[in-house]
Amino acid sequence: MIKDPTLEHIWETRRYIYAKCDNDPVKLVQYYIARQKENPERFASSPAPKTNERRA
């Protein structure tokens, strides 16, 4: 496992947030959606990736 203080802090924060959501993945997604709505400027939206598929 990587020993990096920054990554360790990020992982600990993720574990804390997940525990705060009762370790329920549905509640976790709802939490992140609510956070995104509260702070839309902090979440970057990117355009859909281009594919190399050719259309006939």
PDB file of N, CA and C in Angstrom:
ATOM      1  N   MET A   1       0.843  -1.182   0.000  1.00  0.00           N
ATOM      2  CA  MET A   1       0.000   0.000   0.000  1.00  0.00           C
ATOM      3  C   MET A   1       0.888   1.246   0.000  1.00  0.00           C
ATOM      4  N   ILE A   2       0.439   2.271  -0.654  1.00  0.00           N
ATOM      5  CA  ILE A   2       1.185   3.520  -0.746  1.00  0.00           C
ATOM      6  C   ILE A   2       1.161   4.226   0.608  1.00  0.00           C
ATOM      7  N   LYS A   3       2.303   4.703   1.053  1.00  0.00           N
ATOM      8  CA  LYS A   3       2.402   5.458   2.305  1.00  0.00           C
ATOM      9  C   LYS A   3       2.623   6.927   1.965  1.00  0.00           C
ATOM     10  N   ASP A   4       1.539   7.633   1.788  1.00  0.00           N
ATOM     11  CA  ASP A   4       1.601   9.052   1.469  1.00  0.00           C
ATOM     12  C   ASP A   4       0.649   9.767   2.416  1.00  0.00           C
ATOM     13  N   PRO A   5       1.113  10.749   3.168  1.00  0.00           N
ATOM     14  CA  PRO A   5       0.251  11.422   4.144  1.00  0.00           C
ATOM     15  C   PRO A   5      -1.007  12.047   3.520  1.00  0.00           C
ATOM     16  N   THR A   6      -0.861  12.595   2.333  1.00  0.00           N
ATOM     17  CA  THR A   6      -2.017  13.211   1.679  1.00  0.00           C
ATOM     18  C   THR A   6      -3.062  12.159   1.330  1.00  0.00           C
ATOM     19  N   LEU A   7      -2.615  11.046   0.747  1.00  0.00           N
ATOM     20  CA  LEU A   7      -3.550   9.974   0.398  1.00  0.00           C
ATOM     21  C   LEU A   7      -4.172   9.370   1.653  1.00  0.00           C
ATOM     22  N   GLU A   8      -3.374   9.189   2.703  1.00  0.00           N
ATOM     23  CA  GLU A   8      -3.905   8.656   3.961  1.00  0.00           C
ATOM     24  C   GLU A   8      -5.023   9.558   4.495  1.00  0.00           C
ATOM     25  N   HIS A   9      -4.819  10.862   4.416  1.00  0.00           N
ATOM     26  CA  HIS A   9      -5.838  11.812   4.881  1.00  0.00           C
ATOM     27  C   HIS A   9      -7.111  11.705   4.037  1.00  0.00           C
ATOM     28  N   ILE A  10      -6.954  11.611   2.734  1.00  0.00           N
ATOM     29  CA  ILE A  10      -8.107  11.474   1.838  1.00  0.00           C
ATOM     30  C   ILE A  10      -8.873  10.198   2.151  1.00  0.00           C
ATOM     31  N   TRP A  11      -8.150   9.084   2.326  1.00  0.00           N
ATOM     32  CA  TRP A  11      -8.806   7.808   2.599  1.00  0.00           C
ATOM     33  C   TRP A  11      -9.531   7.840   3.938  1.00  0.00           C
ATOM     34  N   GLU A  12      -8.921   8.455   4.943  1.00  0.00           N
ATOM     35  CA  GLU A  12      -9.552   8.560   6.266  1.00  0.00           C
ATOM     36  C   GLU A  12     -10.821   9.410   6.178  1.00  0.00           C
ATOM     37  N   THR A  13     -10.756  10.487   5.413  1.00  0.00           N
ATOM     38  CA  THR A  13     -11.934  11.340   5.243  1.00  0.00           C
ATOM     39  C   THR A  13     -13.049  10.588   4.536  1.00  0.00           C
ATOM     40  N   ARG A  14     -12.714   9.814   3.530  1.00  0.00           N
ATOM     41  CA  ARG A  14     -13.717   9.005   2.829  1.00  0.00           C
ATOM     42  C   ARG A  14     -14.358   7.984   3.763  1.00  0.00           C
ATOM     43  N   ARG A  15     -13.521   7.352   4.599  1.00  0.00           N
ATOM     44  CA  ARG A  15     -14.068   6.389   5.570  1.00  0.00           C
ATOM     45  C   ARG A  15     -14.998   7.077   6.553  1.00  0.00           C
ATOM     46  N   TYR A  16     -14.633   8.283   6.999  1.00  0.00           N
ATOM     47  CA  TYR A  16     -15.460   9.050   7.930  1.00  0.00           C
ATOM     48  C   TYR A  16     -16.814   9.390   7.303  1.00  0.00           C
ATOM     49  N   ILE A  17     -16.793   9.878   6.065  1.00  0.00           N
ATOM     50  CA  ILE A  17     -18.038  10.240   5.378  1.00  0.00           C
ATOM     51  C   ILE A  17     -18.912   9.002   5.186  1.00  0.00           C
ATOM     52  N   TYR A  18     -18.317   7.886   4.804  1.00  0.00           N
ATOM     53  CA  TYR A  18     -19.073   6.653   4.592  1.00  0.00           C
ATOM     54  C   TYR A  18     -19.697   6.175   5.906  1.00  0.00           C
ATOM     55  N   ALA A  19     -18.955   6.253   7.001  1.00  0.00           N
ATOM     56  CA  ALA A  19     -19.492   5.872   8.311  1.00  0.00           C
ATOM     57  C   ALA A  19     -20.629   6.813   8.721  1.00  0.00           C
ATOM     58  N   LYS A  20     -20.478   8.082   8.399  1.00  0.00           N
ATOM     59  CA  LYS A  20     -21.513   9.078   8.699  1.00  0.00           C
ATOM     60  C   LYS A  20     -22.815   8.742   7.956  1.00  0.00           C
ATOM     61  N   CYS A  21     -22.687   8.067   6.827  1.00  0.00           N
ATOM     62  CA  CYS A  21     -23.851   7.646   6.025  1.00  0.00           C
ATOM     63  C   CYS A  21     -24.274   6.216   6.387  1.00  0.00           C
ATOM     64  N   ASP A  22     -23.904   5.762   7.589  1.00  0.00           N
ATOM     65  CA  ASP A  22     -24.263   4.424   8.084  1.00  0.00           C
ATOM     66  C   ASP A  22     -23.729   3.311   7.184  1.00  0.00           C
ATOM     67  N   ASN A  23     -22.616   3.560   6.501  1.00  0.00           N
ATOM     68  CA  ASN A  23     -22.019   2.577   5.583  1.00  0.00           C
ATOM     69  C   ASN A  23     -23.019   2.077   4.546  1.00  0.00           C
ATOM     70  N   ASP A  24     -23.923   2.958   4.153  1.00  0.00           N
ATOM     71  CA  ASP A  24     -24.965   2.645   3.172  1.00  0.00           C
ATOM     72  C   ASP A  24     -24.609   3.342   1.861  1.00  0.00           C
ATOM     73  N   PRO A  25     -24.332   2.582   0.791  1.00  0.00           N
ATOM     74  CA  PRO A  25     -23.930   3.213  -0.469  1.00  0.00           C
ATOM     75  C   PRO A  25     -24.991   4.146  -1.047  1.00  0.00           C
ATOM     76  N   VAL A  26     -26.260   3.840  -0.840  1.00  0.00           N
ATOM     77  CA  VAL A  26     -27.323   4.709  -1.350  1.00  0.00           C
ATOM     78  C   VAL A  26     -27.287   6.051  -0.621  1.00  0.00           C
ATOM     79  N   LYS A  27     -27.143   6.010   0.699  1.00  0.00           N
ATOM     80  CA  LYS A  27     -27.048   7.258   1.471  1.00  0.00           C
ATOM     81  C   LYS A  27     -25.794   8.039   1.090  1.00  0.00           C
ATOM     82  N   LEU A  28     -24.720   7.321   0.793  1.00  0.00           N
ATOM     83  CA  LEU A  28     -23.483   7.986   0.397  1.00  0.00           C
ATOM     84  C   LEU A  28     -23.676   8.764  -0.900  1.00  0.00           C
ATOM     85  N   VAL A  29     -24.312   8.142  -1.874  1.00  0.00           N
ATOM     86  CA  VAL A  29     -24.567   8.826  -3.147  1.00  0.00           C
ATOM     87  C   VAL A  29     -25.486  10.022  -2.916  1.00  0.00           C
ATOM     88  N   GLN A  30     -26.505   9.857  -2.092  1.00  0.00           N
ATOM     89  CA  GLN A  30     -27.400  10.972  -1.780  1.00  0.00           C
ATOM     90  C   GLN A  30     -26.638  12.112  -1.109  1.00  0.00           C
ATOM     91  N   TYR A  31     -25.708  11.770  -0.237  1.00  0.00           N
ATOM     92  CA  TYR A  31     -24.882  12.774   0.432  1.00  0.00           C
ATOM     93  C   TYR A  31     -24.078  13.578  -0.589  1.00  0.00           C
ATOM     94  N   TYR A  32     -23.422  12.862  -1.513  1.00  0.00           N
ATOM     95  CA  TYR A  32     -22.610  13.554  -2.515  1.00  0.00           C
ATOM     96  C   TYR A  32     -23.465  14.388  -3.473  1.00  0.00           C
ATOM     97  N   ILE A  33     -24.642  13.913  -3.816  1.00  0.00           N
ATOM     98  CA  ILE A  33     -25.543  14.691  -4.667  1.00  0.00           C
ATOM     99  C   ILE A  33     -25.957  15.975  -3.959  1.00  0.00           C
ATOM    100  N   ALA A  34     -26.294  15.866  -2.676  1.00  0.00           N
ATOM    101  CA  ALA A  34     -26.676  17.052  -1.894  1.00  0.00           C
ATOM    102  C   ALA A  34     -25.516  18.035  -1.816  1.00  0.00           C
ATOM    103  N   ARG A  35     -24.297  17.525  -1.582  1.00  0.00           N
ATOM    104  CA  ARG A  35     -23.128  18.403  -1.524  1.00  0.00           C
ATOM    105  C   ARG A  35     -22.903  19.113  -2.860  1.00  0.00           C
ATOM    106  N   GLN A  36     -23.115  18.394  -3.946  1.00  0.00           N
ATOM    107  CA  GLN A  36     -22.923  18.989  -5.264  1.00  0.00           C
ATOM    108  C   GLN A  36     -23.932  20.094  -5.508  1.00  0.00           C
ATOM    109  N   LYS A  37     -25.169  19.893  -5.067  1.00  0.00           N
ATOM    110  CA  LYS A  37     -26.194  20.926  -5.239  1.00  0.00           C
ATOM    111  C   LYS A  37     -25.898  22.151  -4.381  1.00  0.00           C
ATOM    112  N   GLU A  38     -25.335  21.936  -3.186  1.00  0.00           N
ATOM    113  CA  GLU A  38     -24.993  23.045  -2.291  1.00  0.00           C
ATOM    114  C   GLU A  38     -23.819  23.867  -2.820  1.00  0.00           C
ATOM    115  N   ASN A  39     -22.898  23.220  -3.486  1.00  0.00           N
ATOM    116  CA  ASN A  39     -21.666  23.874  -3.942  1.00  0.00           C
ATOM    117  C   ASN A  39     -21.360  23.520  -5.394  1.00  0.00           C
ATOM    118  N   PRO A  40     -22.198  23.914  -6.339  1.00  0.00           N
ATOM    119  CA  PRO A  40     -21.972  23.502  -7.731  1.00  0.00           C
ATOM    120  C   PRO A  40     -20.652  24.011  -8.311  1.00  0.00           C
ATOM    121  N   GLU A  41     -20.140  25.127  -7.805  1.00  0.00           N
ATOM    122  CA  GLU A  41     -18.901  25.681  -8.340  1.00  0.00           C
ATOM    123  C   GLU A  41     -17.688  24.826  -7.978  1.00  0.00           C
ATOM    124  N   ARG A  42     -17.806  23.979  -6.973  1.00  0.00           N
ATOM    125  CA  ARG A  42     -16.690  23.137  -6.557  1.00  0.00           C
ATOM    126  C   ARG A  42     -16.598  21.852  -7.361  1.00  0.00           C
ATOM    127  N   PHE A  43     -17.616  21.563  -8.154  1.00  0.00           N
ATOM    128  CA  PHE A  43     -17.645  20.332  -8.937  1.00  0.00           C
ATOM    129  C   PHE A  43     -17.575  20.685 -10.408  1.00  0.00           C
ATOM    130  N   ALA A  44     -16.540  20.249 -11.054  1.00  0.00           N
ATOM    131  CA  ALA A  44     -16.368  20.531 -12.475  1.00  0.00           C
ATOM    132  C   ALA A  44     -17.144  19.515 -13.292  1.00  0.00           C
ATOM    133  N   SER A  45     -17.831  20.004 -14.275  1.00  0.00           N
ATOM    134  CA  SER A  45     -18.489  19.078 -15.193  1.00  0.00           C
ATOM    135  C   SER A  45     -17.710  19.111 -16.499  1.00  0.00           C
ATOM    136  N   SER A  46     -17.480  17.952 -17.034  1.00  0.00           N
ATOM    137  CA  SER A  46     -16.704  17.868 -18.259  1.00  0.00           C
ATOM    138  C   SER A  46     -17.592  17.326 -19.370  1.00  0.00           C
ATOM    139  N   PRO A  47     -17.281  17.678 -20.600  1.00  0.00           N
ATOM    140  CA  PRO A  47     -18.063  17.159 -21.716  1.00  0.00           C
ATOM    141  C   PRO A  47     -17.861  15.652 -21.854  1.00  0.00           C
ATOM    142  N   ALA A  48     -18.786  15.022 -22.516  1.00  0.00           N
ATOM    143  CA  ALA A  48     -18.688  13.573 -22.737  1.00  0.00           C
ATOM    144  C   ALA A  48     -17.427  13.279 -23.541  1.00  0.00           C
ATOM    145  N   PRO A  49     -16.728  12.203 -23.200  1.00  0.00           N
ATOM    146  CA  PRO A  49     -15.500  11.887 -23.941  1.00  0.00           C
ATOM    147  C   PRO A  49     -15.805  11.515 -25.381  1.00  0.00           C
ATOM    148  N   LYS A  50     -14.894  11.907 -26.259  1.00  0.00           N
ATOM    149  CA  LYS A  50     -15.046  11.565 -27.670  1.00  0.00           C
ATOM    150  C   LYS A  50     -14.620  10.127 -27.881  1.00  0.00           C
ATOM    151  N   THR A  51     -15.304   9.468 -28.779  1.00  0.00           N
ATOM    152  CA  THR A  51     -14.930   8.087 -29.091  1.00  0.00           C
ATOM    153  C   THR A  51     -14.363   8.040 -30.497  1.00  0.00           C
ATOM    154  N   ASN A  52     -13.659   6.982 -30.780  1.00  0.00           N
ATOM    155  CA  ASN A  52     -13.044   6.803 -32.099  1.00  0.00           C
ATOM    156  C   ASN A  52     -13.929   5.988 -33.031  1.00  0.00           C
ATOM    157  N   GLU A  53     -15.172   5.808 -32.625  1.00  0.00           N
ATOM    158  CA  GLU A  53     -16.091   5.008 -33.453  1.00  0.00           C
ATOM    159  C   GLU A  53     -16.488   5.776 -34.704  1.00  0.00           C
ATOM    160  N   ARG A  54     -16.552   5.062 -35.794  1.00  0.00           N
ATOM    161  CA  ARG A  54     -17.002   5.663 -37.056  1.00  0.00           C
ATOM    162  C   ARG A  54     -18.432   5.280 -37.288  1.00  0.00           C
ATOM    163  N   ARG A  55     -19.183   6.234 -37.709  1.00  0.00           N
ATOM    164  CA  ARG A  55     -20.587   5.958 -38.008  1.00  0.00           C
ATOM    165  C   ARG A  55     -20.746   5.685 -39.485  1.00  0.00           C
ATOM    166  N   ALA A  56     -21.490   4.660 -39.809  1.00  0.00           N
ATOM    167  CA  ALA A  56     -21.674   4.289 -41.215  1.00  0.00           C
ATOM    168  C   ALA A  56     -22.895   4.946 -41.802  1.00  0.00           C
TER     169      ALA A  56
END
